Amino acid sequence: MTTQTTIRSDITGTVWKIVVEEGSTLQADDTIMVLESMKMEIPVLAPEDGRVIKLLIAEGAPVREGQEIAIFEEA
């Protein structure tokens, strides 16, 4: 049985770069996207081995702390 997890932003800032595409298979701690806040780059990492089901935000978009940014399915 697979479990879907909603990944939320830990910061308020901007989506600087999305590294993966929807459907990408990842290992735990692989980078999904990079957020930027106050000139610092903060990676958003895969919580477990699995795949990205849906990206909920686009590059360059503003993001709030706690905002849903991706849906991830654990392997």
C-alpha atoms as a PDB file:
ATOM      1  CA  MET A   1       0.000   0.000   0.000  1.00  0.00           C
ATOM      2  CA  THR A   2       1.310   3.461  -0.886  1.00  0.00           C
ATOM      3  CA  THR A   3       0.882   6.589   1.161  1.00  0.00           C
ATOM      4  CA  GLN A   4       0.516  10.090  -0.261  1.00  0.00           C
ATOM      5  CA  THR A   5       2.101  12.955   1.639  1.00  0.00           C
ATOM      6  CA  THR A   6       1.517  16.659   1.142  1.00  0.00           C
ATOM      7  CA  ILE A   7       4.804  18.544   1.240  1.00  0.00           C
ATOM      8  CA  ARG A   8       4.562  22.037   2.729  1.00  0.00           C
ATOM      9  CA  SER A   9       6.910  24.995   2.602  1.00  0.00           C
ATOM     10  CA  ASP A  10       8.964  25.621   5.727  1.00  0.00           C
ATOM     11  CA  ILE A  11       9.491  29.271   4.800  1.00  0.00           C
ATOM     12  CA  THR A  12       7.918  32.322   3.217  1.00  0.00           C
ATOM     13  CA  GLY A  13       9.754  33.210   0.033  1.00  0.00           C
ATOM     14  CA  THR A  14       9.838  32.408  -3.685  1.00  0.00           C
ATOM     15  CA  VAL A  15      10.151  29.185  -5.682  1.00  0.00           C
ATOM     16  CA  TRP A  16      13.614  29.712  -7.159  1.00  0.00           C
ATOM     17  CA  LYS A  17      13.939  26.436  -9.096  1.00  0.00           C
ATOM     18  CA  ILE A  18      11.934  23.228  -9.554  1.00  0.00           C
ATOM     19  CA  VAL A  19      14.374  20.358 -10.008  1.00  0.00           C
ATOM     20  CA  VAL A  20      11.985  17.477 -10.832  1.00  0.00           C
ATOM     21  CA  GLU A  21       8.927  16.862 -12.979  1.00  0.00           C
ATOM     22  CA  GLU A  22       5.628  15.308 -11.973  1.00  0.00           C
ATOM     23  CA  GLY A  23       6.037  11.537 -11.980  1.00  0.00           C
ATOM     24  CA  SER A  24       9.753  11.663 -11.113  1.00  0.00           C
ATOM     25  CA  THR A  25      11.001   8.813  -8.909  1.00  0.00           C
ATOM     26  CA  LEU A  26      13.210   9.986  -6.051  1.00  0.00           C
ATOM     27  CA  GLN A  27      15.291   8.626  -3.214  1.00  0.00           C
ATOM     28  CA  ALA A  28      14.875   9.972   0.318  1.00  0.00           C
ATOM     29  CA  ASP A  29      16.512  13.408   0.626  1.00  0.00           C
ATOM     30  CA  ASP A  30      16.654  14.064  -3.150  1.00  0.00           C
ATOM     31  CA  THR A  31      15.874  17.702  -3.945  1.00  0.00           C
ATOM     32  CA  ILE A  32      12.371  18.432  -5.293  1.00  0.00           C
ATOM     33  CA  MET A  33      12.707  22.211  -5.541  1.00  0.00           C
ATOM     34  CA  VAL A  34      14.692  25.112  -4.137  1.00  0.00           C
ATOM     35  CA  LEU A  35      13.028  28.001  -2.313  1.00  0.00           C
ATOM     36  CA  GLU A  36      14.636  31.409  -1.883  1.00  0.00           C
ATOM     37  CA  SER A  37      14.161  33.719   1.058  1.00  0.00           C
ATOM     38  CA  MET A  38      16.311  36.718   1.960  1.00  0.00           C
ATOM     39  CA  LYS A  39      18.965  35.627  -0.599  1.00  0.00           C
ATOM     40  CA  MET A  40      19.236  32.166   1.004  1.00  0.00           C
ATOM     41  CA  GLU A  41      18.460  29.027  -1.021  1.00  0.00           C
ATOM     42  CA  ILE A  42      16.576  26.339   0.905  1.00  0.00           C
ATOM     43  CA  PRO A  43      16.109  22.912  -0.727  1.00  0.00           C
ATOM     44  CA  VAL A  44      12.831  21.014  -0.349  1.00  0.00           C
ATOM     45  CA  LEU A  45      13.732  17.333  -0.014  1.00  0.00           C
ATOM     46  CA  ALA A  46      11.872  14.079  -0.657  1.00  0.00           C
ATOM     47  CA  PRO A  47      10.762  12.703   2.734  1.00  0.00           C
ATOM     48  CA  GLU A  48      11.121   9.035   1.660  1.00  0.00           C
ATOM     49  CA  ASP A  49      11.833   6.964  -1.436  1.00  0.00           C
ATOM     50  CA  GLY A  50       8.904   7.473  -3.813  1.00  0.00           C
ATOM     51  CA  ARG A  51       7.639   9.723  -6.583  1.00  0.00           C
ATOM     52  CA  VAL A  52       6.268  13.201  -7.126  1.00  0.00           C
ATOM     53  CA  ILE A  53       2.551  12.960  -7.919  1.00  0.00           C
ATOM     54  CA  LYS A  54       1.791  16.667  -8.401  1.00  0.00           C
ATOM     55  CA  LEU A  55       3.639  19.974  -8.175  1.00  0.00           C
ATOM     56  CA  LEU A  56       1.286  22.581  -6.725  1.00  0.00           C
ATOM     57  CA  ILE A  57       3.375  25.670  -7.461  1.00  0.00           C
ATOM     58  CA  ALA A  58       5.463  27.058 -10.351  1.00  0.00           C
ATOM     59  CA  GLU A  59       8.953  28.520 -10.569  1.00  0.00           C
ATOM     60  CA  GLY A  60       9.013  32.182  -9.607  1.00  0.00           C
ATOM     61  CA  ALA A  61       5.806  31.959  -7.589  1.00  0.00           C
ATOM     62  CA  PRO A  62       5.622  33.368  -4.069  1.00  0.00           C
ATOM     63  CA  VAL A  63       5.150  30.802  -1.312  1.00  0.00           C
ATOM     64  CA  ARG A  64       3.983  31.153   2.292  1.00  0.00           C
ATOM     65  CA  GLU A  65       5.192  29.161   5.271  1.00  0.00           C
ATOM     66  CA  GLY A  66       2.949  26.092   5.583  1.00  0.00           C
ATOM     67  CA  GLN A  67       1.638  26.334   2.014  1.00  0.00           C
ATOM     68  CA  GLU A  68       1.150  23.035   0.157  1.00  0.00           C
ATOM     69  CA  ILE A  69       3.745  22.846  -2.626  1.00  0.00           C
ATOM     70  CA  ALA A  70       3.779  19.199  -3.792  1.00  0.00           C
ATOM     71  CA  ILE A  71       2.096  15.830  -3.373  1.00  0.00           C
ATOM     72  CA  PHE A  72       4.468  12.910  -2.890  1.00  0.00           C
ATOM     73  CA  GLU A  73       3.733   9.174  -2.929  1.00  0.00           C
ATOM     74  CA  GLU A  74       5.948   7.010  -0.760  1.00  0.00           C
ATOM     75  CA  ALA A  75       7.232   3.764  -2.280  1.00  0.00           C
END
